[in-house]
Amino acid sequence: MEKALEKLAEQILTFDEASLSSLREKYRLRIEQFDGTRDWERAVIIYSIINAVSLKNNLFNENVLKRKRGTE
């Protein structure tokens, strides 16, 4: 399972955040319409992945800025 998750993470790292962000609202709206189907479950996972990529990028950018400030 861990190897499968690592492979999935590698694939997700290739996704463009701007493209993902354009899908965020679509999936947010979908998960608000709970129906318990597999489609709804997939939408929750997709929405979470989009948010995870955004969080990763924010953390990355914050740490790059901290390092730059530390070297100046």
N, C-alpha and C. Protein backbone atom coordinates (compact mmCIF):
# COMPACT_ATOMS: atom_id res chain seq x y z
N MET A 1 0.82 -1.19 0.00
CA MET A 1 0.00 0.00 0.00
C MET A 1 0.86 1.26 0.00
N GLU A 2 1.93 1.22 0.79
CA GLU A 2 2.80 2.40 0.86
C GLU A 2 3.41 2.73 -0.50
N LYS A 3 3.84 1.71 -1.22
CA LYS A 3 4.42 1.93 -2.55
C LYS A 3 3.38 2.53 -3.50
N ALA A 4 2.15 2.06 -3.41
CA ALA A 4 1.09 2.60 -4.26
C ALA A 4 0.84 4.07 -3.94
N LEU A 5 0.86 4.41 -2.65
CA LEU A 5 0.66 5.81 -2.25
C LEU A 5 1.83 6.68 -2.71
N GLU A 6 3.04 6.16 -2.62
CA GLU A 6 4.20 6.91 -3.09
C GLU A 6 4.11 7.16 -4.59
N LYS A 7 3.68 6.16 -5.34
CA LYS A 7 3.52 6.31 -6.79
C LYS A 7 2.44 7.35 -7.10
N LEU A 8 1.35 7.30 -6.36
CA LEU A 8 0.28 8.27 -6.54
C LEU A 8 0.77 9.68 -6.23
N ALA A 9 1.54 9.82 -5.15
CA ALA A 9 2.09 11.14 -4.79
C ALA A 9 2.99 11.67 -5.90
N GLU A 10 3.81 10.81 -6.49
CA GLU A 10 4.67 11.23 -7.59
C GLU A 10 3.84 11.74 -8.77
N GLN A 11 2.76 11.07 -9.06
CA GLN A 11 1.88 11.50 -10.15
C GLN A 11 1.24 12.85 -9.82
N ILE A 12 0.78 12.99 -8.60
CA ILE A 12 0.11 14.23 -8.18
C ILE A 12 1.09 15.41 -8.22
N LEU A 13 2.36 15.16 -7.89
CA LEU A 13 3.35 16.23 -7.92
C LEU A 13 3.55 16.81 -9.31
N THR A 14 3.14 16.10 -10.33
CA THR A 14 3.28 16.62 -11.70
C THR A 14 2.12 17.52 -12.09
N PHE A 15 1.06 17.54 -11.27
CA PHE A 15 -0.11 18.35 -11.59
C PHE A 15 0.17 19.82 -11.36
N ASP A 16 -0.37 20.65 -12.21
CA ASP A 16 -0.26 22.09 -12.12
C ASP A 16 -1.31 22.63 -11.15
N GLU A 17 -0.85 23.38 -10.14
CA GLU A 17 -1.79 23.88 -9.13
C GLU A 17 -2.87 24.78 -9.74
N ALA A 18 -2.51 25.59 -10.71
CA ALA A 18 -3.49 26.48 -11.33
C ALA A 18 -4.61 25.68 -11.99
N SER A 19 -4.25 24.62 -12.66
CA SER A 19 -5.26 23.76 -13.29
C SER A 19 -6.13 23.08 -12.25
N LEU A 20 -5.49 22.61 -11.18
CA LEU A 20 -6.24 21.97 -10.10
C LEU A 20 -7.19 22.96 -9.43
N SER A 21 -6.71 24.17 -9.21
CA SER A 21 -7.53 25.18 -8.54
C SER A 21 -8.79 25.50 -9.32
N SER A 22 -8.69 25.41 -10.64
CA SER A 22 -9.87 25.69 -11.45
C SER A 22 -10.95 24.63 -11.25
N LEU A 23 -10.56 23.48 -10.74
CA LEU A 23 -11.53 22.40 -10.48
C LEU A 23 -12.06 22.39 -9.05
N ARG A 24 -11.42 23.15 -8.17
CA ARG A 24 -11.77 23.11 -6.74
C ARG A 24 -13.26 23.38 -6.50
N GLU A 25 -13.80 24.42 -7.11
CA GLU A 25 -15.20 24.78 -6.88
C GLU A 25 -16.13 23.68 -7.37
N LYS A 26 -15.84 23.09 -8.50
CA LYS A 26 -16.67 22.00 -9.04
C LYS A 26 -16.79 20.88 -8.01
N TYR A 27 -15.66 20.47 -7.43
CA TYR A 27 -15.70 19.36 -6.49
C TYR A 27 -16.23 19.77 -5.12
N ARG A 28 -16.03 21.03 -4.75
CA ARG A 28 -16.62 21.51 -3.49
C ARG A 28 -18.14 21.43 -3.58
N LEU A 29 -18.68 21.89 -4.71
CA LEU A 29 -20.13 21.83 -4.89
C LEU A 29 -20.63 20.39 -4.92
N ARG A 30 -19.85 19.52 -5.55
CA ARG A 30 -20.28 18.11 -5.63
C ARG A 30 -20.33 17.46 -4.26
N ILE A 31 -19.34 17.72 -3.41
CA ILE A 31 -19.34 17.05 -2.11
C ILE A 31 -20.39 17.62 -1.16
N GLU A 32 -20.87 18.81 -1.45
CA GLU A 32 -21.97 19.36 -0.65
C GLU A 32 -23.27 18.62 -0.90
N GLN A 33 -23.35 17.93 -2.02
CA GLN A 33 -24.56 17.17 -2.39
C GLN A 33 -24.38 15.70 -2.03
N PHE A 34 -24.36 15.41 -0.74
CA PHE A 34 -24.10 14.04 -0.28
C PHE A 34 -25.16 13.08 -0.81
N ASP A 35 -24.67 12.00 -1.40
CA ASP A 35 -25.58 10.93 -1.79
C ASP A 35 -25.00 9.55 -1.48
N GLY A 36 -23.78 9.54 -0.90
CA GLY A 36 -23.18 8.29 -0.47
C GLY A 36 -22.71 7.37 -1.59
N THR A 37 -22.71 7.86 -2.82
CA THR A 37 -22.30 7.03 -3.94
C THR A 37 -20.78 7.01 -4.07
N ARG A 38 -20.30 6.12 -4.89
CA ARG A 38 -18.87 6.03 -5.18
C ARG A 38 -18.39 7.32 -5.86
N ASP A 39 -19.26 7.91 -6.67
CA ASP A 39 -18.94 9.19 -7.33
C ASP A 39 -18.71 10.28 -6.29
N TRP A 40 -19.56 10.33 -5.27
CA TRP A 40 -19.40 11.31 -4.20
C TRP A 40 -18.09 11.07 -3.46
N GLU A 41 -17.79 9.81 -3.17
CA GLU A 41 -16.55 9.48 -2.47
C GLU A 41 -15.32 9.91 -3.29
N ARG A 42 -15.36 9.66 -4.58
CA ARG A 42 -14.26 10.09 -5.45
C ARG A 42 -14.12 11.61 -5.43
N ALA A 43 -15.24 12.31 -5.44
CA ALA A 43 -15.22 13.77 -5.41
C ALA A 43 -14.56 14.28 -4.14
N VAL A 44 -14.82 13.64 -3.02
CA VAL A 44 -14.19 14.03 -1.75
C VAL A 44 -12.68 13.84 -1.83
N ILE A 45 -12.25 12.71 -2.39
CA ILE A 45 -10.82 12.45 -2.54
C ILE A 45 -10.18 13.46 -3.48
N ILE A 46 -10.81 13.75 -4.58
CA ILE A 46 -10.28 14.72 -5.54
C ILE A 46 -10.17 16.10 -4.90
N TYR A 47 -11.21 16.51 -4.19
CA TYR A 47 -11.19 17.81 -3.52
C TYR A 47 -10.06 17.86 -2.49
N SER A 48 -9.87 16.78 -1.78
CA SER A 48 -8.80 16.72 -0.78
C SER A 48 -7.42 16.78 -1.44
N ILE A 49 -7.26 16.12 -2.57
CA ILE A 49 -5.99 16.15 -3.29
C ILE A 49 -5.69 17.57 -3.76
N ILE A 50 -6.69 18.24 -4.30
CA ILE A 50 -6.51 19.63 -4.75
C ILE A 50 -6.04 20.49 -3.59
N ASN A 51 -6.69 20.34 -2.45
CA ASN A 51 -6.31 21.12 -1.27
C ASN A 51 -4.93 20.73 -0.75
N ALA A 52 -4.58 19.46 -0.85
CA ALA A 52 -3.27 19.00 -0.40
C ALA A 52 -2.16 19.61 -1.25
N VAL A 53 -2.36 19.68 -2.55
CA VAL A 53 -1.35 20.28 -3.44
C VAL A 53 -1.21 21.77 -3.12
N SER A 54 -2.31 22.43 -2.87
CA SER A 54 -2.27 23.84 -2.52
C SER A 54 -1.53 24.04 -1.19
N LEU A 55 -1.82 23.22 -0.20
CA LEU A 55 -1.14 23.29 1.09
C LEU A 55 0.36 23.05 0.92
N LYS A 56 0.72 22.03 0.16
CA LYS A 56 2.13 21.72 -0.08
C LYS A 56 2.84 22.91 -0.70
N ASN A 57 2.22 23.53 -1.69
CA ASN A 57 2.84 24.68 -2.34
C ASN A 57 2.98 25.87 -1.40
N ASN A 58 1.97 26.09 -0.57
CA ASN A 58 2.05 27.18 0.40
C ASN A 58 3.18 26.95 1.40
N LEU A 59 3.28 25.72 1.92
CA LEU A 59 4.37 25.40 2.85
C LEU A 59 5.72 25.54 2.18
N PHE A 60 5.82 25.07 0.96
CA PHE A 60 7.07 25.18 0.20
C PHE A 60 7.47 26.65 0.06
N ASN A 61 6.54 27.47 -0.39
CA ASN A 61 6.83 28.90 -0.61
C ASN A 61 7.20 29.60 0.68
N GLU A 62 6.50 29.30 1.77
CA GLU A 62 6.83 29.91 3.06
C GLU A 62 8.24 29.56 3.50
N ASN A 63 8.62 28.30 3.31
CA ASN A 63 9.95 27.87 3.72
C ASN A 63 11.04 28.47 2.83
N VAL A 64 10.76 28.61 1.54
CA VAL A 64 11.73 29.27 0.65
C VAL A 64 11.93 30.71 1.09
N LEU A 65 10.85 31.41 1.42
CA LEU A 65 10.96 32.80 1.88
C LEU A 65 11.74 32.90 3.18
N LYS A 66 11.50 31.99 4.10
CA LYS A 66 12.23 31.99 5.37
C LYS A 66 13.73 31.81 5.13
N ARG A 67 14.07 30.92 4.24
CA ARG A 67 15.48 30.69 3.93
C ARG A 67 16.11 31.92 3.30
N LYS A 68 15.38 32.56 2.40
CA LYS A 68 15.91 33.76 1.74
C LYS A 68 16.14 34.86 2.76
N ARG A 69 15.20 35.01 3.68
CA ARG A 69 15.36 36.04 4.72
C ARG A 69 16.54 35.74 5.61
N GLY A 70 16.80 34.46 5.85
CA GLY A 70 17.90 34.06 6.69
C GLY A 70 19.26 34.27 6.06
N THR A 71 19.31 34.33 4.75
CA THR A 71 20.59 34.49 4.05
C THR A 71 20.86 35.93 3.66
N GLU A 72 19.91 36.79 3.87
CA GLU A 72 20.09 38.22 3.49
C GLU A 72 20.63 39.02 4.63
